[in-house]
Amino acid sequence: MLVSVLNKFRHLFLLDKPAQLFIEYNRTFFGHQSKNIDRHVLVEITTMHSSQIALSRFAHALNLKYPSSITAYSPLPSSLHYKILFKYTSLARVYQSFSDKFLHSFSLLNKNSLRVYNFIVENVLTKQDLIDLCIDGIYIGDLIYDHYIITNRLPTVDFNSHSFKDCVKSFAVMYEYWMSFFSANSVTAVLVTHTCYLLGLPARIAIQMKIPAYEVKLTDVYRLSQENPYSHANFYTYKEIFDRLPLNTKKHALSMATQSLRRIYEGKQNFDQPYMTHSAYKSDNNCTTFISRKKNVRILIAPHCFLDNPHPYGKHLFPDFYEWFHYLGNLALQTDYEWYVKSHPGTFIENLGIIDQFCSLYPFTHIPHDTSHNQLIEEGINFVLTIYGSIGLEYAARGITVLNASFHNPHISFSFNLHPRSFREYSTILQNAEKYLTIPIDMDQVRACYFMKYLYYNKDIMSKLSDSFRLGIQPYTSNFTTKSYCYWLSNISSLTEDKLQNLYRRFIDSGCYNIKELLLDDKYL
């Protein structure tokens, strides 16, 4: 117990050697920045160390163009106790190496935030009400929904719970705080690490007030807007961009995608998707047969994580994954289909427990999550359900019908999946699934989509600026430790810092949605 307390104290308040070196490097690199106390570049305070590197440098680029105070803010309500102690933490000292001041909101309701709280509690009666929720013309329902899911580790919203009221209280406090701050201060830009949860709230308000807002990470930067307030949503134009590529480039791109898909089905991992630590296609020599083939329609449900961010790209045909499963379960009771569920092998154990609960209520067969998809395909799965998952591409490449339950999915610009635009259309397709067992699937479209998603847009911007960064921070968990500082300090040079600043300035001026649009050409092919 004492050791645990001491370790926590050391982590919170003591700087390790990498952090000390990073702070010293920052002070040398940034020097004396131009400051204007009447304007603010708002920078989110995050414990993700790699994002701290990116936020500091992007804020510096903005500050050189629009001289402002670089103001670091806490994205969640803060107690007085936290505000007093924060300035003594190691995190604060890292931020002091590149920012001018700190902002902390308090966690107590006032008259105005109570108005927001009461409005939500009185008007949100259903999950769809919450998803559709706007206040002062600002769409915020998905932020509250997803924040509740991840902070409580629950698969759906319970309006009668104290935890939901606490979540709404936190939102109301932050909403009123930011509305007041933006109204009373001149804000140059807002830099966030996520466009979801309450972390995304300052960006949503900034967008409404026509203040530039960006999601900034070391690998990427996105410009957020009313039209697209989400990051990683390049996919609406995948087909349009691919069709404009030179013929020779397209041929080479399709060949690359073919090779990558082959490696996926061979069970390889960590090439185009380095964050993926488990292969869903690796053979486990399982002797058990799971698919009975007694019915003509054999459906595989590919679940998402029930406990995190149901709405990364916007609304779906269902409020969340939990409601989707209940709908499918009730339909399974009415149809003469075989129904199977298999999670990704890297799923959280809590998800498996939730699926077991559904399988006890409905005629679903829960296939072990480490079973290879190759086995299920060979045994005869012929219809797949997902909200927006990558299985839509992987099964289509094997000639199998995939039905998405969201119009905001990475395959939407192609026709190799079914993309119903309404709940009614979705239900009609499922109730008549036998008619859709063979749909036209253009394999070149599948390969083009793979190329756009995993090869064209998936290059780390730092690896494009310097070969020293080509491997990225490995493993992924090191992004949340001071190993990120070691990685940066070991590979950075003054030339690469200059290139990065130039790229950031070009992006700020460009109007592009994604910074990678400035780096895209066919040379890396």
Protein backbone atom coordinates (compact mmCIF):
# COMPACT_ATOMS: atom_id res chain seq x y z
CA MET A 1 0.00 0.00 0.00
CA LEU A 2 2.75 2.44 1.01
CA VAL A 3 4.76 1.56 -2.10
CA SER A 4 1.72 2.24 -4.28
CA VAL A 5 1.18 5.65 -2.67
CA LEU A 6 4.85 6.57 -3.08
CA ASN A 7 4.82 5.53 -6.74
CA LYS A 8 1.73 7.63 -7.36
CA PHE A 9 3.33 10.61 -5.63
CA ARG A 10 6.51 10.17 -7.68
CA HIS A 11 4.52 9.95 -10.92
CA LEU A 12 2.46 13.07 -10.15
CA PHE A 13 5.08 15.41 -8.73
CA LEU A 14 8.60 14.28 -9.63
CA LEU A 15 10.20 14.74 -13.02
CA ASP A 16 12.09 11.76 -14.38
CA LYS A 17 15.19 12.26 -16.52
CA PRO A 18 13.38 12.19 -19.93
CA ALA A 19 10.93 14.84 -18.73
CA GLN A 20 13.75 17.05 -17.43
CA LEU A 21 15.57 16.80 -20.76
CA PHE A 22 12.38 17.51 -22.70
CA ILE A 23 11.69 20.63 -20.66
CA GLU A 24 15.24 21.88 -21.15
CA TYR A 25 14.99 21.22 -24.88
CA ASN A 26 11.66 23.07 -25.11
CA ARG A 27 13.02 26.13 -23.32
CA THR A 28 15.89 26.28 -25.77
CA PHE A 29 13.71 25.66 -28.81
CA PHE A 30 10.86 28.03 -28.02
CA GLY A 31 12.92 30.77 -26.39
CA HIS A 32 10.97 33.94 -25.72
CA GLN A 33 7.70 33.73 -27.61
CA SER A 34 5.69 36.76 -28.62
CA LYS A 35 2.89 37.17 -26.07
CA ASN A 36 -0.37 39.07 -26.17
CA ILE A 37 -2.40 38.67 -23.00
CA ASP A 38 -5.55 39.78 -24.79
CA ARG A 39 -5.57 36.83 -27.22
CA HIS A 40 -5.37 33.13 -26.47
CA VAL A 41 -4.30 29.99 -28.24
CA LEU A 42 -6.10 27.45 -26.08
CA VAL A 43 -4.17 24.18 -25.66
CA GLU A 44 -5.67 21.13 -23.98
CA ILE A 45 -3.81 19.73 -20.99
CA THR A 46 -3.35 16.01 -21.67
CA THR A 47 -1.44 13.17 -20.04
CA MET A 48 -0.69 11.68 -23.47
CA HIS A 49 2.99 12.56 -23.76
CA SER A 50 3.28 12.30 -27.53
CA SER A 51 0.35 14.72 -27.92
CA GLN A 52 2.09 17.21 -25.62
CA ILE A 53 4.96 17.29 -28.12
CA ALA A 54 2.61 17.99 -31.02
CA LEU A 55 0.43 20.51 -29.18
CA SER A 56 3.45 22.55 -28.11
CA ARG A 57 4.80 22.82 -31.64
CA PHE A 58 1.47 23.51 -33.33
CA ALA A 59 0.69 26.20 -30.75
CA HIS A 60 4.11 27.72 -31.46
CA ALA A 61 3.33 27.84 -35.20
CA LEU A 62 0.01 29.57 -34.50
CA ASN A 63 1.65 31.99 -32.09
CA LEU A 64 4.23 33.05 -34.67
CA LYS A 65 1.46 33.85 -37.13
CA TYR A 66 -1.05 35.28 -34.67
CA PRO A 67 0.84 36.50 -31.55
CA SER A 68 -1.14 35.31 -28.53
CA SER A 69 -0.82 33.90 -25.07
CA ILE A 70 -0.50 30.13 -25.19
CA THR A 71 -3.04 29.16 -22.55
CA ALA A 72 -3.18 25.57 -21.33
CA TYR A 73 -6.60 24.49 -20.08
CA SER A 74 -7.97 21.55 -18.13
CA PRO A 75 -10.68 19.91 -20.29
CA LEU A 76 -12.74 18.66 -17.32
CA PRO A 77 -14.20 20.38 -14.24
CA SER A 78 -11.57 21.00 -11.57
CA SER A 79 -11.88 21.15 -7.80
CA LEU A 80 -10.18 23.94 -5.86
CA HIS A 81 -7.93 21.27 -4.37
CA TYR A 82 -6.83 20.17 -7.87
CA LYS A 83 -6.27 23.73 -9.04
CA ILE A 84 -3.98 24.49 -6.09
CA LEU A 85 -1.97 21.28 -6.41
CA PHE A 86 -1.73 21.24 -10.22
CA LYS A 87 1.01 23.87 -10.48
CA TYR A 88 3.32 21.59 -8.46
CA THR A 89 2.82 18.55 -10.69
CA SER A 90 5.29 17.26 -13.25
CA LEU A 91 2.59 17.72 -15.91
CA ALA A 92 2.33 21.42 -15.11
CA ARG A 93 6.10 21.85 -15.40
CA VAL A 94 6.10 20.24 -18.84
CA TYR A 95 3.35 22.63 -19.97
CA GLN A 96 5.18 25.61 -18.45
CA SER A 97 8.03 24.89 -20.87
CA PHE A 98 5.87 26.04 -23.80
CA SER A 99 2.77 27.84 -22.44
CA ASP A 100 2.11 31.10 -20.61
CA LYS A 101 -0.78 30.40 -18.24
CA PHE A 102 -3.28 27.78 -17.04
CA LEU A 103 -7.09 27.72 -17.06
CA HIS A 104 -9.19 25.56 -14.73
CA SER A 105 -12.96 25.58 -14.50
CA PHE A 106 -14.60 24.82 -11.17
CA SER A 107 -16.90 21.85 -10.65
CA LEU A 108 -19.81 23.67 -8.99
CA LEU A 109 -23.05 24.61 -10.72
CA ASN A 110 -23.94 28.29 -10.91
CA LYS A 111 -27.14 29.96 -12.09
CA ASN A 112 -26.31 29.70 -15.79
CA SER A 113 -24.92 26.16 -15.72
CA LEU A 114 -27.96 25.08 -13.69
CA ARG A 115 -30.12 26.39 -16.54
CA VAL A 116 -28.23 24.14 -18.96
CA TYR A 117 -28.46 21.19 -16.57
CA ASN A 118 -32.24 21.56 -16.11
CA PHE A 119 -32.80 21.98 -19.85
CA ILE A 120 -31.05 18.67 -20.57
CA VAL A 121 -32.67 16.71 -17.74
CA GLU A 122 -36.15 17.99 -18.62
CA ASN A 123 -35.91 17.59 -22.40
CA VAL A 124 -33.88 14.42 -22.86
CA LEU A 125 -36.34 11.57 -22.35
CA THR A 126 -34.94 8.95 -24.74
CA LYS A 127 -31.55 7.90 -26.01
CA GLN A 128 -32.39 9.35 -29.41
CA ASP A 129 -33.25 12.66 -27.71
CA LEU A 130 -29.75 12.67 -26.24
CA ILE A 131 -28.08 11.80 -29.54
CA ASP A 132 -29.98 14.61 -31.29
CA LEU A 133 -29.38 17.19 -28.55
CA CYS A 134 -28.36 20.72 -29.54
CA ILE A 135 -27.99 23.72 -27.25
CA ASP A 136 -27.75 27.26 -28.64
CA GLY A 137 -27.44 25.72 -32.10
CA ILE A 138 -24.40 23.65 -31.07
CA TYR A 139 -24.64 19.87 -31.56
CA ILE A 140 -23.41 18.27 -28.34
CA GLY A 141 -25.54 15.15 -27.75
CA ASP A 142 -22.88 12.71 -28.92
CA LEU A 143 -20.28 14.30 -26.62
CA ILE A 144 -22.40 13.73 -23.50
CA TYR A 145 -23.41 10.24 -24.65
CA ASP A 146 -19.86 9.06 -25.33
CA HIS A 147 -18.46 10.72 -22.20
CA TYR A 148 -21.01 8.87 -20.08
CA ILE A 149 -20.17 5.53 -21.75
CA ILE A 150 -16.40 5.76 -21.30
CA THR A 151 -16.30 7.29 -17.81
CA ASN A 152 -18.76 4.76 -16.38
CA ARG A 153 -17.61 1.77 -18.45
CA LEU A 154 -21.23 0.99 -19.29
CA PRO A 155 -22.66 -0.15 -22.65
CA THR A 156 -25.59 2.29 -22.70
CA VAL A 157 -27.11 5.28 -20.95
CA ASP A 158 -29.26 5.01 -17.83
CA PHE A 159 -31.17 8.28 -17.43
CA ASN A 160 -32.28 7.40 -13.89
CA SER A 161 -28.77 6.84 -12.57
CA HIS A 162 -26.79 9.24 -10.42
CA SER A 163 -23.89 8.74 -12.82
CA PHE A 164 -25.90 10.17 -15.71
CA LYS A 165 -26.89 13.23 -13.67
CA ASP A 166 -23.24 13.67 -12.66
CA CYS A 167 -22.24 13.48 -16.33
CA VAL A 168 -24.82 16.12 -17.28
CA LYS A 169 -23.65 18.28 -14.38
CA SER A 170 -20.04 18.09 -15.61
CA PHE A 171 -21.17 18.99 -19.11
CA ALA A 172 -23.30 21.92 -17.90
CA VAL A 173 -20.41 23.32 -15.86
CA MET A 174 -17.98 23.07 -18.76
CA TYR A 175 -20.49 24.36 -21.31
CA GLU A 176 -21.24 27.49 -19.29
CA TYR A 177 -17.56 28.01 -18.50
CA TRP A 178 -16.54 27.92 -22.16
CA MET A 179 -19.46 30.00 -23.39
CA SER A 180 -18.51 32.69 -20.87
CA PHE A 181 -14.82 32.46 -21.68
CA PHE A 182 -15.30 32.70 -25.43
CA SER A 183 -17.70 35.63 -25.02
CA ALA A 184 -15.33 37.58 -22.74
CA ASN A 185 -11.99 36.81 -24.42
CA SER A 186 -10.38 36.93 -27.82
CA VAL A 187 -9.45 33.38 -28.82
CA THR A 188 -7.09 32.77 -31.74
CA ALA A 189 -7.60 29.01 -31.93
CA VAL A 190 -8.47 25.90 -29.91
CA LEU A 191 -6.27 22.78 -29.91
CA VAL A 192 -7.81 19.52 -28.68
CA THR A 193 -6.62 15.92 -28.53
CA HIS A 194 -10.03 14.35 -29.22
CA THR A 195 -13.23 15.42 -30.95
CA CYS A 196 -15.32 13.12 -28.73
CA TYR A 197 -16.31 13.03 -25.02
CA LEU A 198 -16.26 16.31 -23.08
CA LEU A 199 -12.74 16.75 -24.47
CA GLY A 200 -14.35 17.81 -27.74
CA LEU A 201 -16.61 20.49 -26.24
CA PRO A 202 -14.29 23.54 -26.57
CA ALA A 203 -13.83 22.74 -30.26
CA ARG A 204 -17.60 22.43 -30.85
CA ILE A 205 -18.23 25.83 -29.27
CA ALA A 206 -15.29 27.39 -31.12
CA ILE A 207 -16.59 26.09 -34.44
CA GLN A 208 -20.00 27.66 -33.77
CA MET A 209 -18.26 30.97 -33.00
CA LYS A 210 -16.14 30.70 -36.16
CA ILE A 211 -12.91 30.29 -34.20
CA PRO A 212 -10.37 27.90 -35.76
CA ALA A 213 -10.29 24.52 -34.02
CA TYR A 214 -7.86 21.66 -34.58
CA GLU A 215 -7.32 18.14 -33.32
CA VAL A 216 -3.56 17.81 -32.92
CA LYS A 217 -1.51 14.65 -32.49
CA LEU A 218 2.09 13.88 -33.35
CA THR A 219 1.02 11.72 -36.28
CA ASP A 220 -1.70 13.98 -37.68
CA VAL A 221 -3.66 17.26 -37.50
CA TYR A 222 -7.29 17.90 -38.48
CA ARG A 223 -9.08 21.20 -39.06
CA LEU A 224 -12.57 20.92 -37.57
CA SER A 225 -15.66 22.60 -39.03
CA GLN A 226 -19.45 22.71 -38.91
CA GLU A 227 -19.49 20.39 -41.92
CA ASN A 228 -17.05 17.92 -40.36
CA PRO A 229 -16.46 18.30 -36.60
CA TYR A 230 -14.81 14.87 -36.37
CA SER A 231 -11.25 13.72 -36.97
CA HIS A 232 -10.28 10.70 -39.10
CA ALA A 233 -13.29 11.22 -41.38
CA ASN A 234 -11.49 11.53 -44.72
CA PHE A 235 -13.47 8.62 -46.11
CA TYR A 236 -16.32 10.55 -47.71
CA THR A 237 -14.00 11.41 -50.62
CA TYR A 238 -11.94 8.20 -50.86
CA LYS A 239 -13.39 7.16 -54.22
CA GLU A 240 -13.34 10.66 -55.67
CA ILE A 241 -9.65 11.10 -54.82
CA PHE A 242 -8.68 7.62 -55.99
CA ASP A 243 -10.43 8.15 -59.32
CA ARG A 244 -8.30 11.27 -59.90
CA LEU A 245 -4.99 9.46 -59.45
CA PRO A 246 -2.88 8.76 -62.57
CA LEU A 247 -3.56 5.37 -64.16
CA ASN A 248 -0.12 3.96 -63.35
CA THR A 249 -0.46 5.09 -59.73
CA LYS A 250 -3.84 3.39 -59.46
CA LYS A 251 -2.47 0.14 -60.85
CA HIS A 252 0.38 0.17 -58.36
CA ALA A 253 -2.01 1.10 -55.54
CA LEU A 254 -4.31 -1.85 -56.30
CA SER A 255 -1.31 -4.18 -56.40
CA MET A 256 -0.13 -2.92 -53.00
CA ALA A 257 -3.60 -3.38 -51.53
CA THR A 258 -3.80 -6.93 -52.91
CA GLN A 259 -0.52 -7.81 -51.20
CA SER A 260 -1.62 -6.25 -47.92
CA LEU A 261 -4.98 -8.05 -47.91
CA ARG A 262 -3.18 -11.31 -48.57
CA ARG A 263 -0.98 -10.69 -45.53
CA ILE A 264 -4.06 -9.97 -43.40
CA TYR A 265 -5.65 -13.30 -44.36
CA GLU A 266 -2.35 -15.02 -43.59
CA GLY A 267 -2.66 -13.73 -40.03
CA LYS A 268 0.11 -11.13 -40.28
CA GLN A 269 -0.14 -7.93 -38.25
CA ASN A 270 1.63 -4.66 -37.44
CA PHE A 271 2.29 -3.54 -41.00
CA ASP A 272 -0.42 -1.16 -42.29
CA GLN A 273 -2.23 -1.07 -38.92
CA PRO A 274 0.53 -0.86 -36.27
CA TYR A 275 -2.01 -0.23 -33.48
CA MET A 276 -3.51 -3.69 -34.10
CA THR A 277 -1.85 -6.08 -31.68
CA HIS A 278 -3.93 -9.19 -32.50
CA SER A 279 -4.79 -10.68 -35.87
CA ALA A 280 -8.42 -11.67 -36.43
CA TYR A 281 -7.33 -14.08 -39.17
CA LYS A 282 -4.49 -15.95 -37.49
CA SER A 283 -5.05 -19.70 -37.61
CA ASP A 284 -5.52 -21.28 -34.19
CA ASN A 285 -5.90 -24.86 -35.47
CA ASN A 286 -9.38 -24.99 -33.95
CA CYS A 287 -10.99 -28.37 -34.55
CA THR A 288 -14.45 -27.18 -33.47
CA THR A 289 -16.99 -26.47 -36.21
CA PHE A 290 -19.17 -23.47 -35.39
CA ILE A 291 -21.35 -22.86 -38.45
CA SER A 292 -24.09 -25.49 -38.80
CA ARG A 293 -25.20 -24.57 -42.36
CA LYS A 294 -28.75 -25.70 -41.56
CA LYS A 295 -30.22 -22.40 -42.74
CA ASN A 296 -29.69 -20.49 -45.98
CA VAL A 297 -28.84 -17.25 -44.21
CA ARG A 298 -25.89 -17.48 -41.82
CA ILE A 299 -25.29 -14.11 -40.17
CA LEU A 300 -22.15 -13.01 -38.34
CA ILE A 301 -22.49 -10.00 -36.03
CA ALA A 302 -19.15 -8.23 -35.61
CA PRO A 303 -19.49 -6.22 -32.39
CA HIS A 304 -17.68 -3.00 -31.60
CA CYS A 305 -16.40 -2.07 -28.16
CA PHE A 306 -19.49 -1.42 -26.06
CA LEU A 307 -17.59 0.71 -23.57
CA ASP A 308 -15.96 3.45 -25.64
CA ASN A 309 -16.96 6.17 -28.08
CA PRO A 310 -19.98 4.79 -30.01
CA HIS A 311 -20.07 7.88 -32.26
CA PRO A 312 -16.54 8.62 -33.56
CA TYR A 313 -17.85 9.88 -36.92
CA GLY A 314 -21.40 10.99 -36.05
CA LYS A 315 -24.86 9.47 -35.67
CA HIS A 316 -25.78 5.91 -36.65
CA LEU A 317 -29.07 4.15 -37.29
CA PHE A 318 -29.05 3.12 -33.62
CA PRO A 319 -28.25 5.22 -30.53
CA ASP A 320 -25.46 2.87 -29.46
CA PHE A 321 -24.09 -0.66 -29.93
CA TYR A 322 -26.19 -1.98 -27.03
CA GLU A 323 -29.46 -0.89 -28.67
CA TRP A 324 -28.26 -2.33 -31.97
CA PHE A 325 -27.76 -5.72 -30.34
CA HIS A 326 -31.22 -5.66 -28.76
CA TYR A 327 -32.77 -4.88 -32.13
CA LEU A 328 -30.86 -7.76 -33.78
CA GLY A 329 -31.83 -10.10 -30.94
CA ASN A 330 -35.52 -9.36 -31.34
CA LEU A 331 -35.21 -9.82 -35.10
CA ALA A 332 -33.41 -13.14 -34.54
CA LEU A 333 -36.48 -14.37 -32.65
CA GLN A 334 -38.60 -13.67 -35.73
CA THR A 335 -36.37 -14.95 -38.55
CA ASP A 336 -35.28 -18.35 -39.80
CA TYR A 337 -31.56 -17.45 -39.89
CA GLU A 338 -28.48 -18.70 -38.11
CA TRP A 339 -27.04 -15.96 -35.90
CA TYR A 340 -23.43 -15.86 -34.71
CA VAL A 341 -21.38 -13.30 -32.76
CA LYS A 342 -17.59 -13.05 -32.71
CA SER A 343 -15.54 -10.25 -31.19
CA HIS A 344 -12.10 -9.17 -32.30
CA PRO A 345 -9.36 -11.15 -30.50
CA GLY A 346 -8.05 -7.92 -28.95
CA THR A 347 -11.36 -7.00 -27.33
CA PHE A 348 -11.75 -6.10 -23.64
CA ILE A 349 -12.96 -8.93 -21.43
CA GLU A 350 -15.93 -6.76 -20.34
CA ASN A 351 -17.25 -6.87 -23.90
CA LEU A 352 -17.30 -10.66 -23.83
CA GLY A 353 -19.43 -10.60 -20.69
CA ILE A 354 -21.92 -8.22 -22.33
CA ILE A 355 -22.14 -10.48 -25.39
CA ASP A 356 -22.72 -13.52 -23.15
CA GLN A 357 -25.68 -11.67 -21.62
CA PHE A 358 -27.17 -11.08 -25.07
CA CYS A 359 -26.61 -14.72 -26.02
CA SER A 360 -28.59 -15.76 -22.94
CA LEU A 361 -31.53 -13.62 -24.09
CA TYR A 362 -31.50 -14.27 -27.83
CA PRO A 363 -30.69 -17.14 -30.24
CA PHE A 364 -27.10 -16.02 -30.82
CA THR A 365 -24.14 -18.39 -30.85
CA HIS A 366 -21.09 -16.77 -29.23
CA ILE A 367 -18.00 -17.90 -31.13
CA PRO A 368 -14.71 -17.68 -29.19
CA HIS A 369 -13.08 -14.34 -29.94
CA ASP A 370 -9.74 -15.94 -30.88
CA THR A 371 -11.34 -18.00 -33.67
CA SER A 372 -9.96 -17.11 -37.10
CA HIS A 373 -12.31 -15.40 -39.53
CA ASN A 374 -10.78 -17.63 -42.20
CA GLN A 375 -12.41 -20.60 -40.47
CA LEU A 376 -15.83 -18.89 -40.33
CA ILE A 377 -15.64 -17.97 -44.01
CA GLU A 378 -14.70 -21.52 -44.95
CA GLU A 379 -17.56 -22.90 -42.83
CA GLY A 380 -20.11 -20.78 -44.65
CA ILE A 381 -20.81 -17.38 -43.07
CA ASN A 382 -22.57 -15.49 -45.87
CA PHE A 383 -23.91 -12.24 -44.33
CA VAL A 384 -22.08 -9.88 -41.97
CA LEU A 385 -23.37 -7.06 -39.75
CA THR A 386 -21.34 -4.13 -38.46
CA ILE A 387 -21.96 -0.48 -37.62
CA TYR A 388 -18.85 0.91 -39.33
CA GLY A 389 -16.12 -1.69 -38.79
CA SER A 390 -13.16 -2.68 -40.98
CA ILE A 391 -14.75 -6.11 -41.38
CA GLY A 392 -16.88 -4.39 -44.04
CA LEU A 393 -13.81 -4.24 -46.24
CA GLU A 394 -12.22 -7.54 -45.19
CA TYR A 395 -15.29 -9.71 -45.81
CA ALA A 396 -16.21 -7.86 -49.01
CA ALA A 397 -12.74 -8.80 -50.31
CA ARG A 398 -13.83 -12.41 -49.85
CA GLY A 399 -17.06 -11.84 -51.79
CA ILE A 400 -19.37 -11.77 -48.75
CA THR A 401 -22.25 -9.33 -48.20
CA VAL A 402 -21.75 -6.79 -45.41
CA LEU A 403 -24.53 -4.56 -44.10
CA ASN A 404 -23.46 -1.35 -42.30
CA ALA A 405 -25.69 0.33 -39.71
CA SER A 406 -24.25 3.80 -40.23
CA PHE A 407 -23.99 6.13 -43.16
CA HIS A 408 -20.83 7.49 -41.49
CA ASN A 409 -18.54 4.56 -42.16
CA PRO A 410 -15.11 4.30 -43.84
CA HIS A 411 -16.48 2.42 -46.87
CA ILE A 412 -19.32 4.82 -47.65
CA SER A 413 -17.95 6.22 -50.91
CA PHE A 414 -17.84 2.72 -52.45
CA SER A 415 -20.62 0.27 -53.29
CA PHE A 416 -19.11 -3.04 -52.17
CA ASN A 417 -21.15 -2.90 -48.91
CA LEU A 418 -24.82 -2.21 -48.28
CA HIS A 419 -25.31 1.33 -46.88
CA PRO A 420 -28.96 1.87 -45.87
CA ARG A 421 -29.83 5.50 -45.21
CA SER A 422 -32.62 4.85 -42.72
CA PHE A 423 -33.67 2.42 -40.00
CA ARG A 424 -36.60 1.36 -42.16
CA GLU A 425 -34.34 0.51 -45.10
CA TYR A 426 -31.97 -1.35 -42.77
CA SER A 427 -34.83 -3.43 -41.35
CA THR A 428 -36.18 -4.23 -44.81
CA ILE A 429 -32.81 -5.53 -45.97
CA LEU A 430 -32.34 -7.70 -42.88
CA GLN A 431 -35.85 -9.12 -43.02
CA ASN A 432 -35.16 -10.12 -46.62
CA ALA A 433 -31.50 -11.05 -46.19
CA GLU A 434 -31.72 -14.05 -48.51
CA LYS A 435 -32.24 -11.69 -51.44
CA TYR A 436 -28.93 -9.97 -50.62
CA LEU A 437 -26.65 -13.00 -50.22
CA THR A 438 -25.08 -12.24 -53.59
CA ILE A 439 -24.56 -8.55 -54.29
CA PRO A 440 -22.26 -7.08 -56.94
CA ILE A 441 -18.82 -6.57 -55.39
CA ASP A 442 -16.20 -4.81 -57.47
CA MET A 443 -12.89 -6.10 -56.12
CA ASP A 444 -11.03 -3.12 -57.54
CA GLN A 445 -13.24 -0.89 -55.37
CA VAL A 446 -12.40 -3.00 -52.32
CA ARG A 447 -8.70 -2.70 -53.03
CA ALA A 448 -9.01 1.01 -53.77
CA CYS A 449 -10.71 1.56 -50.43
CA TYR A 450 -8.00 -0.41 -48.63
CA PHE A 451 -5.33 1.68 -50.32
CA MET A 452 -7.00 4.97 -49.43
CA LYS A 453 -7.64 3.99 -45.82
CA TYR A 454 -4.42 2.25 -44.87
CA LEU A 455 -1.79 3.43 -47.33
CA TYR A 456 -2.70 6.80 -48.85
CA TYR A 457 -3.76 8.59 -45.64
CA ASN A 458 -2.11 6.39 -43.05
CA LYS A 459 1.43 7.75 -43.17
CA ASP A 460 2.70 9.36 -39.97
CA ILE A 461 3.53 13.00 -40.84
CA MET A 462 6.79 12.80 -38.92
CA SER A 463 7.93 9.84 -41.01
CA LYS A 464 7.29 11.95 -44.11
CA LEU A 465 9.53 14.73 -42.75
CA SER A 466 12.43 12.57 -41.60
CA ASP A 467 13.52 8.95 -42.00
CA SER A 468 14.51 9.02 -38.34
CA PHE A 469 10.82 8.88 -37.42
CA ARG A 470 9.78 6.19 -39.89
CA LEU A 471 9.14 3.53 -37.22
CA GLY A 472 6.93 5.72 -35.03
CA ILE A 473 6.61 5.38 -31.25
CA GLN A 474 6.59 1.69 -30.40
CA PRO A 475 4.78 0.13 -28.71
CA TYR A 476 1.63 2.26 -28.86
CA THR A 477 1.40 2.41 -25.06
CA SER A 478 4.66 4.38 -25.01
CA ASN A 479 2.65 7.38 -26.26
CA PHE A 480 1.39 7.66 -22.67
CA THR A 481 4.81 7.60 -21.01
CA THR A 482 7.95 9.73 -20.98
CA LYS A 483 9.38 7.24 -23.49
CA SER A 484 7.73 9.58 -26.01
CA TYR A 485 10.14 12.32 -24.93
CA CYS A 486 13.09 9.93 -25.36
CA TYR A 487 11.86 9.04 -28.85
CA TRP A 488 11.54 12.71 -29.78
CA LEU A 489 14.86 13.84 -28.36
CA SER A 490 16.71 10.89 -29.91
CA ASN A 491 15.41 11.56 -33.42
CA ILE A 492 14.70 15.27 -33.74
CA SER A 493 17.03 17.75 -35.43
CA SER A 494 16.83 21.48 -36.00
CA LEU A 495 16.18 20.77 -39.68
CA THR A 496 13.22 18.50 -38.89
CA GLU A 497 11.85 21.05 -36.39
CA ASP A 498 12.01 23.68 -39.16
CA LYS A 499 10.27 21.35 -41.62
CA LEU A 500 7.53 20.65 -39.09
CA GLN A 501 6.97 24.34 -38.38
CA ASN A 502 6.81 25.05 -42.10
CA LEU A 503 4.30 22.23 -42.59
CA TYR A 504 2.15 23.51 -39.72
CA ARG A 505 2.18 27.07 -41.11
CA ARG A 506 1.23 25.83 -44.57
CA PHE A 507 -1.62 23.83 -43.07
CA ILE A 508 -2.92 26.76 -41.03
CA ASP A 509 -3.06 28.85 -44.22
CA SER A 510 -4.39 26.09 -46.48
CA GLY A 511 -7.97 25.48 -45.39
CA CYS A 512 -7.37 21.73 -45.78
CA TYR A 513 -9.25 19.32 -43.51
CA ASN A 514 -6.28 17.00 -42.93
CA ILE A 515 -2.63 18.06 -42.80
CA LYS A 516 -1.67 14.96 -44.79
CA GLU A 517 -3.35 16.50 -47.83
CA LEU A 518 -0.27 18.74 -48.08
CA LEU A 519 2.03 15.72 -48.19
CA LEU A 520 0.12 13.52 -50.60
CA ASP A 521 1.72 12.66 -53.88
CA ASP A 522 2.52 9.41 -55.63
CA LYS A 523 6.25 9.54 -54.89
CA TYR A 524 5.98 7.38 -51.78
CA LEU A 525 4.31 4.66 -53.84
